[in-house]
Amino acid sequence: MAGLLWTLIVVFFVLWLIGFFVVHIGGGFIHILLVVALILLIWNLLAGRGARI
């Protein structure tokens, strides 16, 4: 499951970079992808193995 989350984070971040620097189309959608990637990153860090809140 953690591997899938990291894959999604990387894919969303790369899509955001491509859209931000190359395309400049659908700016709102691209920023939503970045927010989703950040949420997944935070979730993965908090719910990682051995993490205690």
N, C-alpha and C. Protein backbone atom coordinates (compact mmCIF):
# COMPACT_ATOMS: atom_id res chain seq x y z
N MET A 1 0.82 -1.20 0.00
CA MET A 1 0.00 0.00 0.00
C MET A 1 0.87 1.26 0.00
N ALA A 2 1.96 1.22 0.75
CA ALA A 2 2.83 2.40 0.80
C ALA A 2 3.47 2.65 -0.56
N GLY A 3 3.82 1.58 -1.27
CA GLY A 3 4.40 1.75 -2.60
C GLY A 3 3.43 2.41 -3.56
N LEU A 4 2.17 2.07 -3.45
CA LEU A 4 1.14 2.67 -4.29
C LEU A 4 1.00 4.15 -3.98
N LEU A 5 1.02 4.51 -2.71
CA LEU A 5 0.90 5.92 -2.33
C LEU A 5 2.08 6.73 -2.85
N TRP A 6 3.29 6.18 -2.73
CA TRP A 6 4.45 6.89 -3.23
C TRP A 6 4.39 7.04 -4.75
N THR A 7 3.89 6.02 -5.42
CA THR A 7 3.74 6.09 -6.88
C THR A 7 2.77 7.20 -7.25
N LEU A 8 1.64 7.27 -6.56
CA LEU A 8 0.67 8.33 -6.84
C LEU A 8 1.24 9.71 -6.55
N ILE A 9 2.00 9.82 -5.47
CA ILE A 9 2.61 11.10 -5.14
C ILE A 9 3.54 11.55 -6.26
N VAL A 10 4.37 10.65 -6.72
CA VAL A 10 5.33 11.00 -7.78
C VAL A 10 4.60 11.33 -9.07
N VAL A 11 3.60 10.54 -9.44
CA VAL A 11 2.85 10.80 -10.67
C VAL A 11 2.15 12.15 -10.61
N PHE A 12 1.48 12.45 -9.49
CA PHE A 12 0.80 13.74 -9.37
C PHE A 12 1.78 14.90 -9.41
N PHE A 13 2.92 14.72 -8.76
CA PHE A 13 3.91 15.79 -8.76
C PHE A 13 4.49 16.02 -10.15
N VAL A 14 4.77 14.95 -10.88
CA VAL A 14 5.29 15.10 -12.24
C VAL A 14 4.24 15.74 -13.15
N LEU A 15 2.99 15.33 -13.03
CA LEU A 15 1.93 15.95 -13.83
C LEU A 15 1.81 17.43 -13.51
N TRP A 16 1.94 17.76 -12.23
CA TRP A 16 1.88 19.17 -11.84
C TRP A 16 3.03 19.95 -12.45
N LEU A 17 4.24 19.39 -12.39
CA LEU A 17 5.39 20.08 -12.97
C LEU A 17 5.23 20.28 -14.47
N ILE A 18 4.76 19.24 -15.16
CA ILE A 18 4.55 19.35 -16.60
C ILE A 18 3.53 20.43 -16.90
N GLY A 19 2.44 20.41 -16.20
CA GLY A 19 1.39 21.40 -16.43
C GLY A 19 1.81 22.81 -16.06
N PHE A 20 2.59 22.91 -15.00
CA PHE A 20 2.99 24.24 -14.52
C PHE A 20 4.01 24.89 -15.44
N PHE A 21 4.98 24.12 -15.90
CA PHE A 21 6.07 24.70 -16.67
C PHE A 21 5.88 24.60 -18.18
N VAL A 22 5.06 23.68 -18.66
CA VAL A 22 4.96 23.46 -20.09
C VAL A 22 3.61 23.89 -20.65
N VAL A 23 2.55 23.41 -20.07
CA VAL A 23 1.25 23.52 -20.71
C VAL A 23 0.51 24.80 -20.36
N HIS A 24 0.41 25.14 -19.10
CA HIS A 24 -0.36 26.29 -18.61
C HIS A 24 -1.83 26.21 -19.02
N ILE A 25 -2.37 25.01 -19.11
CA ILE A 25 -3.79 24.82 -19.41
C ILE A 25 -4.41 24.09 -18.24
N GLY A 26 -5.58 24.52 -17.82
CA GLY A 26 -6.26 23.85 -16.71
C GLY A 26 -5.54 24.08 -15.39
N GLY A 27 -5.22 25.32 -15.11
CA GLY A 27 -4.45 25.65 -13.92
C GLY A 27 -5.08 25.16 -12.63
N GLY A 28 -6.39 25.24 -12.53
CA GLY A 28 -7.07 24.77 -11.33
C GLY A 28 -6.89 23.28 -11.12
N PHE A 29 -7.00 22.51 -12.19
CA PHE A 29 -6.86 21.06 -12.10
C PHE A 29 -5.44 20.67 -11.69
N ILE A 30 -4.48 21.38 -12.21
CA ILE A 30 -3.08 21.08 -11.90
C ILE A 30 -2.80 21.35 -10.43
N HIS A 31 -3.34 22.42 -9.89
CA HIS A 31 -3.11 22.72 -8.49
C HIS A 31 -3.87 21.74 -7.58
N ILE A 32 -5.00 21.25 -8.05
CA ILE A 32 -5.70 20.20 -7.30
C ILE A 32 -4.84 18.94 -7.25
N LEU A 33 -4.18 18.59 -8.35
CA LEU A 33 -3.28 17.44 -8.34
C LEU A 33 -2.15 17.63 -7.34
N LEU A 34 -1.62 18.82 -7.26
CA LEU A 34 -0.55 19.09 -6.29
C LEU A 34 -1.06 18.94 -4.86
N VAL A 35 -2.23 19.46 -4.59
CA VAL A 35 -2.81 19.34 -3.24
C VAL A 35 -3.04 17.88 -2.90
N VAL A 36 -3.56 17.09 -3.84
CA VAL A 36 -3.78 15.67 -3.59
C VAL A 36 -2.46 14.97 -3.32
N ALA A 37 -1.43 15.30 -4.08
CA ALA A 37 -0.11 14.69 -3.86
C ALA A 37 0.42 15.04 -2.48
N LEU A 38 0.26 16.27 -2.06
CA LEU A 38 0.72 16.67 -0.73
C LEU A 38 -0.07 15.97 0.38
N ILE A 39 -1.37 15.84 0.19
CA ILE A 39 -2.20 15.14 1.18
C ILE A 39 -1.76 13.68 1.28
N LEU A 40 -1.53 13.03 0.14
CA LEU A 40 -1.06 11.65 0.17
C LEU A 40 0.30 11.52 0.84
N LEU A 41 1.18 12.48 0.59
CA LEU A 41 2.49 12.46 1.23
C LEU A 41 2.37 12.58 2.74
N ILE A 42 1.56 13.51 3.21
CA ILE A 42 1.36 13.69 4.65
C ILE A 42 0.71 12.47 5.25
N TRP A 43 -0.30 11.93 4.58
CA TRP A 43 -0.98 10.73 5.07
C TRP A 43 0.00 9.56 5.19
N ASN A 44 0.84 9.41 4.19
CA ASN A 44 1.81 8.31 4.20
C ASN A 44 2.83 8.49 5.32
N LEU A 45 3.26 9.72 5.57
CA LEU A 45 4.22 9.97 6.64
C LEU A 45 3.60 9.71 8.01
N LEU A 46 2.33 10.09 8.19
CA LEU A 46 1.68 9.91 9.48
C LEU A 46 1.26 8.46 9.70
N ALA A 47 0.88 7.77 8.65
CA ALA A 47 0.38 6.40 8.79
C ALA A 47 1.45 5.37 8.44
N GLY A 48 2.69 5.80 8.37
CA GLY A 48 3.77 4.88 8.02
C GLY A 48 3.97 3.81 9.09
N ARG A 49 4.81 2.87 8.77
CA ARG A 49 5.07 1.79 9.71
C ARG A 49 5.72 2.33 10.98
N GLY A 50 5.13 1.98 12.10
CA GLY A 50 5.68 2.38 13.38
C GLY A 50 5.35 3.80 13.79
N ALA A 51 4.59 4.51 12.99
CA ALA A 51 4.23 5.87 13.35
C ALA A 51 3.18 5.85 14.45
N ARG A 52 3.40 6.68 15.43
CA ARG A 52 2.43 6.78 16.53
C ARG A 52 2.05 8.24 16.71
N ILE A 53 0.75 8.45 16.77
CA ILE A 53 0.24 9.83 16.90
C ILE A 53 -0.21 10.05 18.33
